[in-house]
């Protein structure tokens, strides 16, 4: 999977949440009063689409679209090295 595919998947998932629609890449989602339950729901949806799993704590430490893209891209790269 290419980085662009990961980015497009995450942008699409974020846009499905009204509070995160059209969010800027470096905007902290918690500054928009997004709850941790919303974060976990978003994580589950994204991971179903990407077939990748990231630690929730890591996503919470990088609560931006760009942060999540980075996390899932790194996971994908690590998976490719193992395959």
Protein backbone atom coordinates (compact mmCIF):
# COMPACT_ATOMS: atom_id res chain seq x y z
CA UNK A 1 0.00 0.00 0.00
CA UNK A 2 1.32 3.42 -0.91
CA UNK A 3 1.50 6.43 1.40
CA UNK A 4 -1.00 8.27 -0.79
CA UNK A 5 -3.53 5.45 -0.36
CA UNK A 6 -3.10 5.60 3.41
CA UNK A 7 -3.54 9.37 3.39
CA UNK A 8 -6.67 9.18 1.23
CA UNK A 9 -8.17 6.50 3.48
CA UNK A 10 -7.55 8.57 6.60
CA UNK A 11 -8.87 11.78 5.05
CA UNK A 12 -12.01 9.91 3.99
CA UNK A 13 -12.50 8.44 7.47
CA UNK A 14 -11.93 11.79 9.18
CA UNK A 15 -14.41 13.45 6.80
CA UNK A 16 -17.10 10.96 7.87
CA UNK A 17 -17.03 12.56 11.32
CA UNK A 18 -18.76 15.94 11.27
CA UNK A 19 -16.36 17.43 13.84
CA UNK A 20 -13.35 16.37 11.74
CA UNK A 21 -14.66 17.17 8.28
CA UNK A 22 -12.03 19.04 6.22
CA UNK A 23 -9.63 19.18 9.18
CA UNK A 24 -6.19 20.67 8.56
CA UNK A 25 -3.35 18.16 8.78
CA UNK A 26 -1.75 19.62 11.90
CA UNK A 27 -4.91 20.48 13.85
CA UNK A 28 -5.06 18.68 17.19
CA UNK A 29 -8.35 16.79 17.18
CA UNK A 30 -8.70 17.23 20.93
CA UNK A 31 -8.73 21.01 20.40
CA UNK A 32 -12.00 20.38 18.53
CA UNK A 33 -13.47 18.68 21.62
CA UNK A 34 -13.38 15.24 20.04
CA UNK A 35 -13.83 12.57 22.70
CA UNK A 36 -11.55 9.61 23.19
CA UNK A 37 -14.51 7.37 22.26
CA UNK A 38 -14.71 9.11 18.91
CA UNK A 39 -10.98 8.57 18.45
CA UNK A 40 -11.33 4.84 19.14
CA UNK A 41 -14.33 4.57 16.79
CA UNK A 42 -12.33 6.33 14.09
CA UNK A 43 -9.35 4.07 14.76
CA UNK A 44 -11.49 0.94 14.38
CA UNK A 45 -12.92 2.13 11.06
CA UNK A 46 -9.50 3.08 9.70
CA UNK A 47 -7.91 -0.18 10.78
CA UNK A 48 -10.66 -2.19 9.10
CA UNK A 49 -9.98 -0.32 5.86
CA UNK A 50 -6.18 -0.44 6.04
CA UNK A 51 -5.79 -3.87 7.64
CA UNK A 52 -3.22 -2.32 10.00
CA UNK A 53 -3.33 -1.96 13.79
CA UNK A 54 -1.80 0.89 15.75
CA UNK A 55 -1.65 1.22 19.53
CA UNK A 56 -4.42 3.55 20.67
CA UNK A 57 -2.02 5.29 23.06
CA UNK A 58 0.27 6.17 20.16
CA UNK A 59 -2.62 7.67 18.19
CA UNK A 60 -3.65 9.69 21.25
CA UNK A 61 -0.09 11.04 21.54
CA UNK A 62 -0.20 12.22 17.92
CA UNK A 63 -3.78 13.49 17.63
CA UNK A 64 -3.54 15.07 14.18
CA UNK A 65 -4.35 13.82 10.72
CA UNK A 66 -0.69 14.11 9.76
CA UNK A 67 0.34 12.26 12.92
CA UNK A 68 -1.99 9.38 12.13
CA UNK A 69 -0.81 9.27 8.51
CA UNK A 70 2.74 9.01 9.80
CA UNK A 71 1.86 6.22 12.25
CA UNK A 72 -0.01 4.10 9.74
CA UNK A 73 2.59 4.71 7.02
CA UNK A 74 5.33 3.52 9.36
CA UNK A 75 3.30 0.43 10.28
CA UNK A 76 2.75 -0.33 6.61
CA UNK A 77 6.46 0.06 5.84
CA UNK A 78 7.36 -2.26 8.72
CA UNK A 79 4.87 -4.82 7.43
CA UNK A 80 6.37 -4.63 3.94
CA UNK A 81 9.84 -5.34 5.36
CA UNK A 82 8.57 -8.47 7.07
CA UNK A 83 6.69 -9.77 4.01
